[in-house]
PDB file of all heavy atoms in Angstrom:
ATOM      1  N   SER A   1     -13.660 -79.571  17.135  1.00  0.00           N
ATOM      2  CA  SER A   1     -12.338 -80.190  17.297  1.00  0.00           C
ATOM      3  C   SER A   1     -12.468 -81.641  17.745  1.00  0.00           C
ATOM      4  O   SER A   1     -11.794 -82.538  17.210  1.00  0.00           O
ATOM      5  CB  SER A   1     -11.498 -79.410  18.309  1.00  0.00           C
ATOM      6  OG  SER A   1     -11.223 -78.112  17.856  1.00  0.00           O
ATOM      7  N   LEU A   2     -13.313 -81.883  18.724  1.00  0.00           N
ATOM      8  CA  LEU A   2     -13.508 -83.248  19.225  1.00  0.00           C
ATOM      9  C   LEU A   2     -14.105 -84.149  18.146  1.00  0.00           C
ATOM     10  O   LEU A   2     -13.727 -85.323  18.021  1.00  0.00           O
ATOM     11  CB  LEU A   2     -14.407 -83.226  20.466  1.00  0.00           C
ATOM     12  CG  LEU A   2     -13.809 -82.538  21.704  1.00  0.00           C
ATOM     13  CD1 LEU A   2     -14.841 -82.446  22.822  1.00  0.00           C
ATOM     14  CD2 LEU A   2     -12.575 -83.297  22.185  1.00  0.00           C
ATOM     15  N   LEU A   3     -15.038 -83.611  17.364  1.00  0.00           N
ATOM     16  CA  LEU A   3     -15.628 -84.400  16.278  1.00  0.00           C
ATOM     17  C   LEU A   3     -14.573 -84.759  15.230  1.00  0.00           C
ATOM     18  O   LEU A   3     -14.543 -85.890  14.723  1.00  0.00           O
ATOM     19  CB  LEU A   3     -16.766 -83.612  15.620  1.00  0.00           C
ATOM     20  CG  LEU A   3     -18.043 -83.424  16.457  1.00  0.00           C
ATOM     21  CD1 LEU A   3     -19.016 -82.489  15.746  1.00  0.00           C
ATOM     22  CD2 LEU A   3     -18.707 -84.771  16.733  1.00  0.00           C
ATOM     23  N   LEU A   4     -13.678 -83.809  14.917  1.00  0.00           N
ATOM     24  CA  LEU A   4     -12.637 -84.078  13.930  1.00  0.00           C
ATOM     25  C   LEU A   4     -11.607 -85.075  14.462  1.00  0.00           C
ATOM     26  O   LEU A   4     -11.128 -85.942  13.715  1.00  0.00           O
ATOM     27  CB  LEU A   4     -11.948 -82.771  13.519  1.00  0.00           C
ATOM     28  CG  LEU A   4     -12.799 -81.792  12.708  1.00  0.00           C
ATOM     29  CD1 LEU A   4     -12.038 -80.506  12.431  1.00  0.00           C
ATOM     30  CD2 LEU A   4     -13.247 -82.420  11.393  1.00  0.00           C
ATOM     31  N   VAL A   5     -11.260 -84.964  15.731  1.00  0.00           N
ATOM     32  CA  VAL A   5     -10.342 -85.933  16.331  1.00  0.00           C
ATOM     33  C   VAL A   5     -10.934 -87.337  16.263  1.00  0.00           C
ATOM     34  O   VAL A   5     -10.235 -88.319  15.993  1.00  0.00           O
ATOM     35  CB  VAL A   5     -10.015 -85.540  17.786  1.00  0.00           C
ATOM     36  CG1 VAL A   5      -9.299 -86.682  18.514  1.00  0.00           C
ATOM     37  CG2 VAL A   5      -9.146 -84.285  17.827  1.00  0.00           C
ATOM     38  N   SER A   6     -12.252 -87.438  16.461  1.00  0.00           N
ATOM     39  CA  SER A   6     -12.908 -88.749  16.385  1.00  0.00           C
ATOM     40  C   SER A   6     -12.806 -89.361  14.990  1.00  0.00           C
ATOM     41  O   SER A   6     -12.897 -90.578  14.831  1.00  0.00           O
ATOM     42  CB  SER A   6     -14.384 -88.616  16.784  1.00  0.00           C
ATOM     43  OG  SER A   6     -15.143 -87.991  15.751  1.00  0.00           O
ATOM     44  N   GLN A   7     -12.599 -88.516  13.974  1.00  0.00           N
ATOM     45  CA  GLN A   7     -12.476 -89.001  12.596  1.00  0.00           C
ATOM     46  C   GLN A   7     -11.025 -89.245  12.182  1.00  0.00           C
ATOM     47  O   GLN A   7     -10.772 -89.673  11.063  1.00  0.00           O
ATOM     48  CB  GLN A   7     -13.121 -87.993  11.637  1.00  0.00           C
ATOM     49  CG  GLN A   7     -14.615 -87.857  11.793  1.00  0.00           C
ATOM     50  CD  GLN A   7     -15.325 -89.178  11.562  1.00  0.00           C
ATOM     51  OE1 GLN A   7     -15.177 -89.805  10.516  1.00  0.00           O
ATOM     52  NE2 GLN A   7     -16.093 -89.616  12.553  1.00  0.00           N
ATOM     53  N   GLY A   8     -10.085 -88.942  13.095  1.00  0.00           N
ATOM     54  CA  GLY A   8      -8.683 -89.232  12.800  1.00  0.00           C
ATOM     55  C   GLY A   8      -7.809 -88.029  12.550  1.00  0.00           C
ATOM     56  O   GLY A   8      -6.653 -88.180  12.137  1.00  0.00           O
ATOM     57  N   VAL A   9      -8.306 -86.818  12.789  1.00  0.00           N
ATOM     58  CA  VAL A   9      -7.484 -85.614  12.618  1.00  0.00           C
ATOM     59  C   VAL A   9      -6.549 -85.485  13.818  1.00  0.00           C
ATOM     60  O   VAL A   9      -7.009 -85.536  14.958  1.00  0.00           O
ATOM     61  CB  VAL A   9      -8.367 -84.356  12.481  1.00  0.00           C
ATOM     62  CG1 VAL A   9      -7.508 -83.102  12.343  1.00  0.00           C
ATOM     63  CG2 VAL A   9      -9.306 -84.493  11.293  1.00  0.00           C
ATOM     64  N   PRO A  10      -5.230 -85.317  13.610  1.00  0.00           N
ATOM     65  CA  PRO A  10      -4.281 -85.259  14.740  1.00  0.00           C
ATOM     66  C   PRO A  10      -4.446 -83.998  15.583  1.00  0.00           C
ATOM     67  O   PRO A  10      -4.859 -82.956  15.088  1.00  0.00           O
ATOM     68  CB  PRO A  10      -2.911 -85.260  14.054  1.00  0.00           C
ATOM     69  CG  PRO A  10      -3.151 -85.570  12.619  1.00  0.00           C
ATOM     70  CD  PRO A  10      -4.563 -85.215  12.315  1.00  0.00           C
ATOM     71  N   GLN A  11      -4.088 -84.130  16.860  1.00  0.00           N
ATOM     72  CA  GLN A  11      -3.998 -82.989  17.763  1.00  0.00           C
ATOM     73  C   GLN A  11      -2.860 -83.302  18.726  1.00  0.00           C
ATOM     74  O   GLN A  11      -3.047 -83.934  19.759  1.00  0.00           O
ATOM     75  CB  GLN A  11      -5.324 -82.773  18.522  1.00  0.00           C
ATOM     76  CG  GLN A  11      -5.319 -81.594  19.482  1.00  0.00           C
ATOM     77  CD  GLN A  11      -5.233 -80.248  18.781  1.00  0.00           C
ATOM     78  OE1 GLN A  11      -5.525 -80.147  17.590  1.00  0.00           O
ATOM     79  NE2 GLN A  11      -4.819 -79.219  19.493  1.00  0.00           N
ATOM     80  N   THR A  12      -1.649 -82.891  18.358  1.00  0.00           N
ATOM     81  CA  THR A  12      -0.465 -83.274  19.117  1.00  0.00           C
ATOM     82  C   THR A  12       0.616 -82.208  18.966  1.00  0.00           C
ATOM     83  O   THR A  12       0.598 -81.428  18.013  1.00  0.00           O
ATOM     84  CB  THR A  12       0.080 -84.625  18.620  1.00  0.00           C
ATOM     85  OG1 THR A  12       1.272 -84.951  19.332  1.00  0.00           O
ATOM     86  CG2 THR A  12       0.400 -84.580  17.128  1.00  0.00           C
ATOM     87  N   PHE A  13       1.559 -82.194  19.932  1.00  0.00           N
ATOM     88  CA  PHE A  13       2.727 -81.317  19.843  1.00  0.00           C
ATOM     89  C   PHE A  13       3.991 -82.126  19.555  1.00  0.00           C
ATOM     90  O   PHE A  13       5.098 -81.605  19.647  1.00  0.00           O
ATOM     91  CB  PHE A  13       2.902 -80.521  21.134  1.00  0.00           C
ATOM     92  CG  PHE A  13       1.813 -79.504  21.354  1.00  0.00           C
ATOM     93  CD1 PHE A  13       0.900 -79.652  22.375  1.00  0.00           C
ATOM     94  CD2 PHE A  13       1.691 -78.404  20.520  1.00  0.00           C
ATOM     95  CE1 PHE A  13      -0.111 -78.729  22.570  1.00  0.00           C
ATOM     96  CE2 PHE A  13       0.682 -77.471  20.704  1.00  0.00           C
ATOM     97  CZ  PHE A  13      -0.227 -77.631  21.735  1.00  0.00           C
ATOM     98  N   ALA A  14       3.823 -83.397  19.206  1.00  0.00           N
ATOM     99  CA  ALA A  14       4.965 -84.245  18.874  1.00  0.00           C
ATOM    100  C   ALA A  14       5.573 -83.813  17.548  1.00  0.00           C
ATOM    101  O   ALA A  14       4.874 -83.285  16.681  1.00  0.00           O
ATOM    102  CB  ALA A  14       4.521 -85.705  18.805  1.00  0.00           C
ATOM    103  N   PRO A  15       6.875 -84.037  17.367  1.00  0.00           N
ATOM    104  CA  PRO A  15       7.504 -83.677  16.089  1.00  0.00           C
ATOM    105  C   PRO A  15       7.041 -84.593  14.964  1.00  0.00           C
ATOM    106  O   PRO A  15       6.330 -85.581  15.191  1.00  0.00           O
ATOM    107  CB  PRO A  15       8.994 -83.860  16.375  1.00  0.00           C
ATOM    108  CG  PRO A  15       9.055 -84.845  17.497  1.00  0.00           C
ATOM    109  CD  PRO A  15       7.838 -84.578  18.336  1.00  0.00           C
ATOM    110  N   ASN A  16       7.457 -84.261  13.746  1.00  0.00           N
ATOM    111  CA  ASN A  16       7.105 -85.082  12.595  1.00  0.00           C
ATOM    112  C   ASN A  16       7.568 -86.526  12.777  1.00  0.00           C
ATOM    113  O   ASN A  16       8.590 -86.784  13.426  1.00  0.00           O
ATOM    114  CB  ASN A  16       7.734 -84.517  11.316  1.00  0.00           C
ATOM    115  CG  ASN A  16       7.138 -83.177  10.931  1.00  0.00           C
ATOM    116  OD1 ASN A  16       6.198 -82.698  11.556  1.00  0.00           O
ATOM    117  ND2 ASN A  16       7.683 -82.561   9.892  1.00  0.00           N
ATOM    118  N   VAL A  17       6.824 -87.445  12.193  1.00  0.00           N
ATOM    119  CA  VAL A  17       7.139 -88.867  12.296  1.00  0.00           C
ATOM    120  C   VAL A  17       7.859 -89.302  11.021  1.00  0.00           C
ATOM    121  O   VAL A  17       7.399 -89.004   9.911  1.00  0.00           O
ATOM    122  CB  VAL A  17       5.856 -89.699  12.496  1.00  0.00           C
ATOM    123  CG1 VAL A  17       6.169 -91.187  12.466  1.00  0.00           C
ATOM    124  CG2 VAL A  17       5.175 -89.310  13.794  1.00  0.00           C
ATOM    125  N   VAL A  18       8.967 -90.002  11.173  1.00  0.00           N
ATOM    126  CA  VAL A  18       9.692 -90.554  10.030  1.00  0.00           C
ATOM    127  C   VAL A  18       9.307 -92.020   9.891  1.00  0.00           C
ATOM    128  O   VAL A  18       9.545 -92.822  10.804  1.00  0.00           O
ATOM    129  CB  VAL A  18      11.214 -90.400  10.180  1.00  0.00           C
ATOM    130  CG1 VAL A  18      11.931 -91.013   8.977  1.00  0.00           C
ATOM    131  CG2 VAL A  18      11.585 -88.938  10.338  1.00  0.00           C
ATOM    132  N   ALA A  19       8.682 -92.372   8.781  1.00  0.00           N
ATOM    133  CA  ALA A  19       8.194 -93.730   8.567  1.00  0.00           C
ATOM    134  C   ALA A  19       8.949 -94.392   7.414  1.00  0.00           C
ATOM    135  O   ALA A  19       9.306 -93.732   6.435  1.00  0.00           O
ATOM    136  CB  ALA A  19       6.699 -93.712   8.270  1.00  0.00           C
ATOM    137  N   LYS A  20       9.183 -95.706   7.561  1.00  0.00           N
ATOM    138  CA  LYS A  20       9.811 -96.477   6.491  1.00  0.00           C
ATOM    139  C   LYS A  20       8.716 -97.065   5.617  1.00  0.00           C
ATOM    140  O   LYS A  20       7.835 -97.768   6.089  1.00  0.00           O
ATOM    141  CB  LYS A  20      10.678 -97.585   7.082  1.00  0.00           C
ATOM    142  CG  LYS A  20      11.497 -98.326   6.032  1.00  0.00           C
ATOM    143  CD  LYS A  20      12.439 -99.326   6.675  1.00  0.00           C
ATOM    144  CE  LYS A  20      13.297-100.019   5.617  1.00  0.00           C
ATOM    145  NZ  LYS A  20      14.249-100.986   6.224  1.00  0.00           N
ATOM    146  N   THR A  21       8.754 -96.779   4.334  1.00  0.00           N
ATOM    147  CA  THR A  21       7.703 -97.232   3.428  1.00  0.00           C
ATOM    148  C   THR A  21       7.947 -98.680   3.010  1.00  0.00           C
ATOM    149  O   THR A  21       9.019 -99.255   3.265  1.00  0.00           O
ATOM    150  CB  THR A  21       7.657 -96.352   2.166  1.00  0.00           C
ATOM    151  OG1 THR A  21       8.839 -96.577   1.398  1.00  0.00           O
ATOM    152  CG2 THR A  21       7.583 -94.876   2.540  1.00  0.00           C
ATOM    153  N   ILE A  22       6.969 -99.296   2.349  1.00  0.00           N
ATOM    154  CA  ILE A  22       7.097-100.679   1.907  1.00  0.00           C
ATOM    155  C   ILE A  22       8.150-100.819   0.805  1.00  0.00           C
ATOM    156  O   ILE A  22       8.591-101.924   0.499  1.00  0.00           O
ATOM    157  CB  ILE A  22       5.737-101.237   1.409  1.00  0.00           C
ATOM    158  CG1 ILE A  22       5.194-100.383   0.258  1.00  0.00           C
ATOM    159  CG2 ILE A  22       4.740-101.319   2.552  1.00  0.00           C
ATOM    160  CD1 ILE A  22       3.915-100.945  -0.350  1.00  0.00           C
ATOM    161  N   GLU A  23       8.552 -99.682   0.210  1.00  0.00           N
ATOM    162  CA  GLU A  23       9.593 -99.705  -0.810  1.00  0.00           C
ATOM    163  C   GLU A  23      10.988 -99.570  -0.211  1.00  0.00           C
ATOM    164  O   GLU A  23      11.985 -99.546  -0.931  1.00  0.00           O
ATOM    165  CB  GLU A  23       9.360 -98.578  -1.818  1.00  0.00           C
ATOM    166  CG  GLU A  23       8.061 -98.717  -2.603  1.00  0.00           C
ATOM    167  CD  GLU A  23       7.785 -97.507  -3.467  1.00  0.00           C
ATOM    168  OE1 GLU A  23       8.238 -96.403  -3.082  1.00  0.00           O
ATOM    169  OE2 GLU A  23       7.140 -97.647  -4.505  1.00  0.00           O
ATOM    170  N   GLY A  24      11.047 -99.459   1.138  1.00  0.00           N
ATOM    171  CA  GLY A  24      12.331 -99.339   1.804  1.00  0.00           C
ATOM    172  C   GLY A  24      12.857 -97.928   1.907  1.00  0.00           C
ATOM    173  O   GLY A  24      13.986 -97.711   2.349  1.00  0.00           O
ATOM    174  N   LEU A  25      12.052 -96.940   1.500  1.00  0.00           N
ATOM    175  CA  LEU A  25      12.443 -95.543   1.600  1.00  0.00           C
ATOM    176  C   LEU A  25      11.876 -94.927   2.874  1.00  0.00           C
ATOM    177  O   LEU A  25      11.074 -95.549   3.574  1.00  0.00           O
ATOM    178  CB  LEU A  25      11.949 -94.769   0.375  1.00  0.00           C
ATOM    179  CG  LEU A  25      12.426 -95.300  -0.984  1.00  0.00           C
ATOM    180  CD1 LEU A  25      11.776 -94.524  -2.105  1.00  0.00           C
ATOM    181  CD2 LEU A  25      13.947 -95.241  -1.095  1.00  0.00           C
ATOM    182  N   TYR A  26      12.296 -93.703   3.170  1.00  0.00           N
ATOM    183  CA  TYR A  26      11.837 -93.033   4.385  1.00  0.00           C
ATOM    184  C   TYR A  26      11.009 -91.803   4.022  1.00  0.00           C
ATOM    185  O   TYR A  26      11.356 -91.043   3.122  1.00  0.00           O
ATOM    186  CB  TYR A  26      13.029 -92.637   5.256  1.00  0.00           C
ATOM    187  CG  TYR A  26      13.715 -93.834   5.869  1.00  0.00           C
ATOM    188  CD1 TYR A  26      14.785 -94.450   5.215  1.00  0.00           C
ATOM    189  CD2 TYR A  26      13.279 -94.376   7.073  1.00  0.00           C
ATOM    190  CE1 TYR A  26      15.415 -95.560   5.757  1.00  0.00           C
ATOM    191  CE2 TYR A  26      13.901 -95.482   7.625  1.00  0.00           C
ATOM    192  CZ  TYR A  26      14.957 -96.078   6.958  1.00  0.00           C
ATOM    193  OH  TYR A  26      15.555 -97.183   7.495  1.00  0.00           O
ATOM    194  N   GLN A  27       9.898 -91.639   4.741  1.00  0.00           N
ATOM    195  CA  GLN A  27       8.981 -90.528   4.473  1.00  0.00           C
ATOM    196  C   GLN A  27       8.756 -89.727   5.746  1.00  0.00           C
ATOM    197  O   GLN A  27       8.512 -90.301   6.825  1.00  0.00           O
ATOM    198  CB  GLN A  27       7.642 -91.052   3.949  1.00  0.00           C
ATOM    199  CG  GLN A  27       6.628 -89.953   3.645  1.00  0.00           C
ATOM    200  CD  GLN A  27       5.330 -90.494   3.109  1.00  0.00           C
ATOM    201  OE1 GLN A  27       5.221 -91.686   2.824  1.00  0.00           O
ATOM    202  NE2 GLN A  27       4.332 -89.647   2.972  1.00  0.00           N
ATOM    203  N   ASP A  28       8.851 -88.416   5.634  1.00  0.00           N
ATOM    204  CA  ASP A  28       8.622 -87.517   6.767  1.00  0.00           C
ATOM    205  C   ASP A  28       7.140 -87.162   6.812  1.00  0.00           C
ATOM    206  O   ASP A  28       6.627 -86.507   5.902  1.00  0.00           O
ATOM    207  CB  ASP A  28       9.466 -86.255   6.601  1.00  0.00           C
ATOM    208  CG  ASP A  28       9.509 -85.422   7.870  1.00  0.00           C
ATOM    209  OD1 ASP A  28       9.724 -85.990   8.947  1.00  0.00           O
ATOM    210  OD2 ASP A  28       9.320 -84.191   7.770  1.00  0.00           O
ATOM    211  N   ILE A  29       6.436 -87.598   7.856  1.00  0.00           N
ATOM    212  CA  ILE A  29       4.990 -87.365   7.977  1.00  0.00           C
ATOM    213  C   ILE A  29       4.754 -86.215   8.952  1.00  0.00           C
ATOM    214  O   ILE A  29       5.087 -86.308  10.141  1.00  0.00           O
ATOM    215  CB  ILE A  29       4.249 -88.630   8.451  1.00  0.00           C
ATOM    216  CG1 ILE A  29       4.492 -89.771   7.443  1.00  0.00           C
ATOM    217  CG2 ILE A  29       2.765 -88.364   8.610  1.00  0.00           C
ATOM    218  CD1 ILE A  29       3.901 -91.090   7.866  1.00  0.00           C
ATOM    219  N   ALA A  30       4.192 -85.128   8.454  1.00  0.00           N
ATOM    220  CA  ALA A  30       3.953 -83.942   9.277  1.00  0.00           C
ATOM    221  C   ALA A  30       2.828 -84.193  10.271  1.00  0.00           C
ATOM    222  O   ALA A  30       1.812 -84.803   9.948  1.00  0.00           O
ATOM    223  CB  ALA A  30       3.621 -82.754   8.384  1.00  0.00           C
ATOM    224  N   MET A  31       3.020 -83.698  11.491  1.00  0.00           N
ATOM    225  CA  MET A  31       2.012 -83.809  12.549  1.00  0.00           C
ATOM    226  C   MET A  31       1.755 -82.407  13.113  1.00  0.00           C
ATOM    227  O   MET A  31       2.156 -81.412  12.527  1.00  0.00           O
ATOM    228  CB  MET A  31       2.524 -84.750  13.644  1.00  0.00           C
ATOM    229  CG  MET A  31       2.916 -86.135  13.158  1.00  0.00           C
ATOM    230  SD  MET A  31       1.500 -87.121  12.654  1.00  0.00           S
ATOM    231  CE  MET A  31       0.862 -87.576  14.253  1.00  0.00           C
ATOM    232  N   GLY A  32       1.099 -82.345  14.270  1.00  0.00           N
ATOM    233  CA  GLY A  32       0.896 -81.061  14.923  1.00  0.00           C
ATOM    234  C   GLY A  32      -0.500 -80.878  15.477  1.00  0.00           C
ATOM    235  O   GLY A  32      -1.352 -81.777  15.378  1.00  0.00           O
ATOM    236  N   PRO A  33      -0.791 -79.703  16.063  1.00  0.00           N
ATOM    237  CA  PRO A  33      -2.131 -79.402  16.603  1.00  0.00           C
ATOM    238  C   PRO A  33      -3.089 -79.041  15.468  1.00  0.00           C
ATOM    239  O   PRO A  33      -3.451 -77.883  15.267  1.00  0.00           O
ATOM    240  CB  PRO A  33      -1.871 -78.212  17.533  1.00  0.00           C
ATOM    241  CG  PRO A  33      -0.677 -77.533  16.947  1.00  0.00           C
ATOM    242  CD  PRO A  33       0.173 -78.612  16.334  1.00  0.00           C
ATOM    243  N   VAL A  34      -3.509 -80.040  14.717  1.00  0.00           N
ATOM    244  CA  VAL A  34      -4.273 -79.821  13.486  1.00  0.00           C
ATOM    245  C   VAL A  34      -5.759 -79.583  13.766  1.00  0.00           C
ATOM    246  O   VAL A  34      -6.368 -78.671  13.215  1.00  0.00           O
ATOM    247  CB  VAL A  34      -4.103 -81.016  12.522  1.00  0.00           C
ATOM    248  CG1 VAL A  34      -4.842 -80.760  11.214  1.00  0.00           C
ATOM    249  CG2 VAL A  34      -2.627 -81.293  12.256  1.00  0.00           C
ATOM    250  N   ALA A  35      -6.356 -80.427  14.621  1.00  0.00           N
ATOM    251  CA  ALA A  35      -7.811 -80.375  14.826  1.00  0.00           C
ATOM    252  C   ALA A  35      -8.264 -79.021  15.364  1.00  0.00           C
ATOM    253  O   ALA A  35      -9.301 -78.491  14.939  1.00  0.00           O
ATOM    254  CB  ALA A  35      -8.251 -81.489  15.774  1.00  0.00           C
ATOM    255  N   SER A  36      -7.500 -78.438  16.287  1.00  0.00           N
ATOM    256  CA  SER A  36      -7.896 -77.142  16.865  1.00  0.00           C
ATOM    257  C   SER A  36      -7.869 -76.047  15.814  1.00  0.00           C
ATOM    258  O   SER A  36      -8.708 -75.139  15.833  1.00  0.00           O
ATOM    259  CB  SER A  36      -6.972 -76.785  18.038  1.00  0.00           C
ATOM    260  OG  SER A  36      -5.615 -76.768  17.616  1.00  0.00           O
ATOM    261  N   LEU A  37      -6.908 -76.128  14.894  1.00  0.00           N
ATOM    262  CA  LEU A  37      -6.858 -75.139  13.817  1.00  0.00           C
ATOM    263  C   LEU A  37      -7.979 -75.372  12.811  1.00  0.00           C
ATOM    264  O   LEU A  37      -8.620 -74.423  12.345  1.00  0.00           O
ATOM    265  CB  LEU A  37      -5.491 -75.195  13.129  1.00  0.00           C
ATOM    266  CG  LEU A  37      -5.195 -74.153  12.043  1.00  0.00           C
ATOM    267  CD1 LEU A  37      -3.717 -73.790  12.039  1.00  0.00           C
ATOM    268  CD2 LEU A  37      -5.593 -74.633  10.651  1.00  0.00           C
ATOM    269  N   GLU A  38      -8.228 -76.637  12.480  1.00  0.00           N
ATOM    270  CA  GLU A  38      -9.253 -76.953  11.489  1.00  0.00           C
ATOM    271  C   GLU A  38     -10.647 -76.501  11.932  1.00  0.00           C
ATOM    272  O   GLU A  38     -11.459 -76.075  11.116  1.00  0.00           O
ATOM    273  CB  GLU A  38      -9.270 -78.460  11.214  1.00  0.00           C
ATOM    274  CG  GLU A  38      -8.099 -78.961  10.416  1.00  0.00           C
ATOM    275  CD  GLU A  38      -8.024 -78.328   9.051  1.00  0.00           C
ATOM    276  OE1 GLU A  38      -8.973 -78.488   8.256  1.00  0.00           O
ATOM    277  OE2 GLU A  38      -7.016 -77.656   8.780  1.00  0.00           O
ATOM    278  N   SER A  39     -10.923 -76.621  13.214  1.00  0.00           N
ATOM    279  CA  SER A  39     -12.265 -76.275  13.692  1.00  0.00           C
ATOM    280  C   SER A  39     -12.558 -74.796  13.497  1.00  0.00           C
ATOM    281  O   SER A  39     -13.585 -74.426  12.911  1.00  0.00           O
ATOM    282  CB  SER A  39     -12.408 -76.661  15.172  1.00  0.00           C
ATOM    283  OG  SER A  39     -11.461 -75.972  15.970  1.00  0.00           O
ATOM    284  N   ILE A  40     -11.661 -73.921  13.950  1.00  0.00           N
ATOM    285  CA  ILE A  40     -11.919 -72.484  13.814  1.00  0.00           C
ATOM    286  C   ILE A  40     -11.676 -72.023  12.387  1.00  0.00           C
ATOM    287  O   ILE A  40     -12.257 -71.035  11.933  1.00  0.00           O
ATOM    288  CB  ILE A  40     -11.040 -71.677  14.809  1.00  0.00           C
ATOM    289  CG1 ILE A  40     -11.454 -70.204  14.819  1.00  0.00           C
ATOM    290  CG2 ILE A  40      -9.566 -71.826  14.487  1.00  0.00           C
ATOM    291  CD1 ILE A  40     -12.911 -69.962  15.189  1.00  0.00           C
ATOM    292  N   LYS A  41     -10.844 -72.766  11.652  1.00  0.00           N
ATOM    293  CA  LYS A  41     -10.639 -72.459  10.234  1.00  0.00           C
ATOM    294  C   LYS A  41     -11.957 -72.459   9.480  1.00  0.00           C
ATOM    295  O   LYS A  41     -12.203 -71.594   8.631  1.00  0.00           O
ATOM    296  CB  LYS A  41      -9.678 -73.486   9.641  1.00  0.00           C
ATOM    297  CG  LYS A  41      -9.786 -73.743   8.144  1.00  0.00           C
ATOM    298  CD  LYS A  41      -8.859 -74.884   7.745  1.00  0.00           C
ATOM    299  CE  LYS A  41      -9.178 -75.422   6.368  1.00  0.00           C
ATOM    300  NZ  LYS A  41      -8.268 -76.510   5.964  1.00  0.00           N
ATOM    301  N   HIS A  42     -12.823 -73.402   9.792  1.00  0.00           N
ATOM    302  CA  HIS A  42     -14.099 -73.496   9.085  1.00  0.00           C
ATOM    303  C   HIS A  42     -15.197 -72.704   9.786  1.00  0.00           C
ATOM    304  O   HIS A  42     -16.000 -72.038   9.130  1.00  0.00           O
ATOM    305  CB  HIS A  42     -14.500 -74.961   8.944  1.00  0.00           C
ATOM    306  CG  HIS A  42     -13.611 -75.720   8.009  1.00  0.00           C
ATOM    307  ND1 HIS A  42     -12.678 -76.635   8.437  1.00  0.00           N
ATOM    308  CD2 HIS A  42     -13.474 -75.666   6.658  1.00  0.00           C
ATOM    309  CE1 HIS A  42     -12.027 -77.130   7.393  1.00  0.00           C
ATOM    310  NE2 HIS A  42     -12.489 -76.556   6.310  1.00  0.00           N
ATOM    311  N   LEU A  43     -15.255 -72.749  11.108  1.00  0.00           N
ATOM    312  CA  LEU A  43     -16.292 -71.992  11.825  1.00  0.00           C
ATOM    313  C   LEU A  43     -16.154 -70.490  11.594  1.00  0.00           C
ATOM    314  O   LEU A  43     -17.141 -69.770  11.477  1.00  0.00           O
ATOM    315  CB  LEU A  43     -16.214 -72.298  13.319  1.00  0.00           C
ATOM    316  CG  LEU A  43     -16.752 -73.650  13.767  1.00  0.00           C
ATOM    317  CD1 LEU A  43     -16.317 -73.941  15.193  1.00  0.00           C
ATOM    318  CD2 LEU A  43     -18.272 -73.702  13.652  1.00  0.00           C
TER     319      LEU A  43
END
C-alpha cells in the first residue's frame, strides 16, 4: 500500500472531486481508499 501511494495511488475518504476541464466542462473524478484495496487485491 505504501509503495503504491508513493506512485500516486489515492488513499482517502474524501468524496469525488469535480474538476473543470480545459474545454469548460465538468468532470466527476472518483476517489477513495484505493491503495489499501489494490495491495490485497494483488497479494
